[in-house]
Amino acid sequence: MAHVEIYTKAFCGYCARAKTLLGQKGVAFEEFDITMGGEKRAEMLKRSNGGSTVPQIFIDGTHVGGSDDLARLNREGKLDALLGL
């Protein structure tokens, strides 16, 4: 199974939607809460080439984008393969 990382903020509906989709797939993920900024926010900005909105999602180290991107991959039938399902 793939290693999934997701950068989130508190009270973020898009973050909740992405985490729900991953949960429905039975995928464990590593979550980084950047609500208060800090080094994890700086790390996210660097890894996502300046992507400042949340969530920012990475599968096996590859940036896949945000919640809408994750949902699109799922609709297109590409998400399961990325997740190793």
C-alpha atoms as a PDB file:
ATOM      1  CA  MET A   1       0.000   0.000   0.000  1.00  0.00           C
ATOM      2  CA  ALA A   2       1.152   3.519  -0.780  1.00  0.00           C
ATOM      3  CA  HIS A   3       2.447   6.000   1.779  1.00  0.00           C
ATOM      4  CA  VAL A   4      -0.008   8.924   1.874  1.00  0.00           C
ATOM      5  CA  GLU A   5       0.734  12.288   3.473  1.00  0.00           C
ATOM      6  CA  ILE A   6      -1.789  15.085   3.827  1.00  0.00           C
ATOM      7  CA  TYR A   7      -1.234  18.633   5.083  1.00  0.00           C
ATOM      8  CA  THR A   8      -4.369  20.021   6.732  1.00  0.00           C
ATOM      9  CA  LYS A   9      -5.771  22.841   8.840  1.00  0.00           C
ATOM     10  CA  ALA A  10      -8.421  22.750  11.551  1.00  0.00           C
ATOM     11  CA  PHE A  11     -12.025  23.323  10.426  1.00  0.00           C
ATOM     12  CA  CYS A  12     -11.156  22.777   6.763  1.00  0.00           C
ATOM     13  CA  GLY A  13     -14.043  21.212   4.856  1.00  0.00           C
ATOM     14  CA  TYR A  14     -11.846  20.261   1.905  1.00  0.00           C
ATOM     15  CA  CYS A  15      -9.435  18.527   4.272  1.00  0.00           C
ATOM     16  CA  ALA A  16     -12.294  16.602   5.850  1.00  0.00           C
ATOM     17  CA  ARG A  17     -13.564  15.567   2.408  1.00  0.00           C
ATOM     18  CA  ALA A  18     -10.136  14.271   1.332  1.00  0.00           C
ATOM     19  CA  LYS A  19      -9.642  12.372   4.598  1.00  0.00           C
ATOM     20  CA  THR A  20     -13.120  10.840   4.273  1.00  0.00           C
ATOM     21  CA  LEU A  21     -12.369   9.603   0.758  1.00  0.00           C
ATOM     22  CA  LEU A  22      -9.080   8.071   1.894  1.00  0.00           C
ATOM     23  CA  GLY A  23     -10.843   6.497   4.866  1.00  0.00           C
ATOM     24  CA  GLN A  24     -13.522   5.000   2.619  1.00  0.00           C
ATOM     25  CA  LYS A  25     -10.725   3.395   0.614  1.00  0.00           C
ATOM     26  CA  GLY A  26      -9.267   1.964   3.836  1.00  0.00           C
ATOM     27  CA  VAL A  27      -6.054   3.912   3.361  1.00  0.00           C
ATOM     28  CA  ALA A  28      -3.968   5.012   6.323  1.00  0.00           C
ATOM     29  CA  PHE A  29      -2.363   8.414   5.981  1.00  0.00           C
ATOM     30  CA  GLU A  30       0.092  10.613   7.805  1.00  0.00           C
ATOM     31  CA  GLU A  31      -1.488  13.970   8.642  1.00  0.00           C
ATOM     32  CA  PHE A  32       0.362  17.212   9.275  1.00  0.00           C
ATOM     33  CA  ASP A  33      -1.749  19.950  10.865  1.00  0.00           C
ATOM     34  CA  ILE A  34      -0.388  23.315   9.732  1.00  0.00           C
ATOM     35  CA  THR A  35      -3.098  25.466  11.349  1.00  0.00           C
ATOM     36  CA  MET A  36      -0.483  27.373  13.313  1.00  0.00           C
ATOM     37  CA  GLY A  37       2.059  27.498  10.466  1.00  0.00           C
ATOM     38  CA  GLY A  38       5.602  26.617  11.377  1.00  0.00           C
ATOM     39  CA  GLU A  39       8.153  24.362   9.768  1.00  0.00           C
ATOM     40  CA  LYS A  40       5.575  21.872   8.440  1.00  0.00           C
ATOM     41  CA  ARG A  41       3.845  24.699   6.536  1.00  0.00           C
ATOM     42  CA  ALA A  42       7.181  25.728   5.041  1.00  0.00           C
ATOM     43  CA  GLU A  43       7.827  22.090   4.147  1.00  0.00           C
ATOM     44  CA  MET A  44       4.419  21.862   2.441  1.00  0.00           C
ATOM     45  CA  LEU A  45       5.061  25.014   0.415  1.00  0.00           C
ATOM     46  CA  LYS A  46       8.392  23.660  -0.783  1.00  0.00           C
ATOM     47  CA  ARG A  47       7.123  20.176  -1.596  1.00  0.00           C
ATOM     48  CA  SER A  48       4.033  21.466  -3.435  1.00  0.00           C
ATOM     49  CA  ASN A  49       5.933  24.096  -5.439  1.00  0.00           C
ATOM     50  CA  GLY A  50       4.215  26.953  -3.614  1.00  0.00           C
ATOM     51  CA  GLY A  51       0.788  25.388  -3.121  1.00  0.00           C
ATOM     52  CA  SER A  52      -0.555  27.315  -0.146  1.00  0.00           C
ATOM     53  CA  THR A  53      -4.101  25.976   0.105  1.00  0.00           C
ATOM     54  CA  VAL A  54      -5.013  22.886   2.087  1.00  0.00           C
ATOM     55  CA  PRO A  55      -5.145  20.046   1.829  1.00  0.00           C
ATOM     56  CA  GLN A  56      -1.966  19.263  -0.066  1.00  0.00           C
ATOM     57  CA  ILE A  57      -1.754  15.522  -0.681  1.00  0.00           C
ATOM     58  CA  PHE A  58       1.242  13.356  -1.513  1.00  0.00           C
ATOM     59  CA  ILE A  59       1.160   9.687  -2.507  1.00  0.00           C
ATOM     60  CA  ASP A  60       4.499   7.903  -2.295  1.00  0.00           C
ATOM     61  CA  GLY A  61       6.203  11.299  -2.308  1.00  0.00           C
ATOM     62  CA  THR A  62       4.432  12.517  -5.455  1.00  0.00           C
ATOM     63  CA  HIS A  63       2.309  15.636  -5.136  1.00  0.00           C
ATOM     64  CA  VAL A  64      -1.226  14.895  -6.344  1.00  0.00           C
ATOM     65  CA  GLY A  65      -2.765  18.239  -5.351  1.00  0.00           C
ATOM     66  CA  GLY A  66      -5.750  19.001  -3.190  1.00  0.00           C
ATOM     67  CA  SER A  67      -9.154  17.563  -2.390  1.00  0.00           C
ATOM     68  CA  ASP A  68     -10.649  18.269  -5.822  1.00  0.00           C
ATOM     69  CA  ASP A  69      -7.648  16.627  -7.496  1.00  0.00           C
ATOM     70  CA  LEU A  70      -7.994  13.555  -5.286  1.00  0.00           C
ATOM     71  CA  ALA A  71     -11.718  13.316  -6.086  1.00  0.00           C
ATOM     72  CA  ARG A  72     -11.000  13.697  -9.814  1.00  0.00           C
ATOM     73  CA  LEU A  73      -8.438  10.882  -9.715  1.00  0.00           C
ATOM     74  CA  ASN A  74     -11.044   8.725  -7.996  1.00  0.00           C
ATOM     75  CA  ARG A  75     -13.750   9.547 -10.582  1.00  0.00           C
ATOM     76  CA  GLU A  76     -11.321   8.768 -13.411  1.00  0.00           C
ATOM     77  CA  GLY A  77     -10.489   5.400 -11.864  1.00  0.00           C
ATOM     78  CA  LYS A  78      -6.826   6.308 -11.340  1.00  0.00           C
ATOM     79  CA  LEU A  79      -6.719   6.684  -7.552  1.00  0.00           C
ATOM     80  CA  ASP A  80      -6.807   2.994  -6.619  1.00  0.00           C
ATOM     81  CA  ALA A  81      -3.717   2.270  -8.724  1.00  0.00           C
ATOM     82  CA  LEU A  82      -1.824   5.174  -7.120  1.00  0.00           C
ATOM     83  CA  LEU A  83      -2.805   3.900  -3.684  1.00  0.00           C
ATOM     84  CA  GLY A  84      -1.765   0.346  -4.509  1.00  0.00           C
ATOM     85  CA  LEU A  85      -5.267  -1.051  -4.022  1.00  0.00           C
END
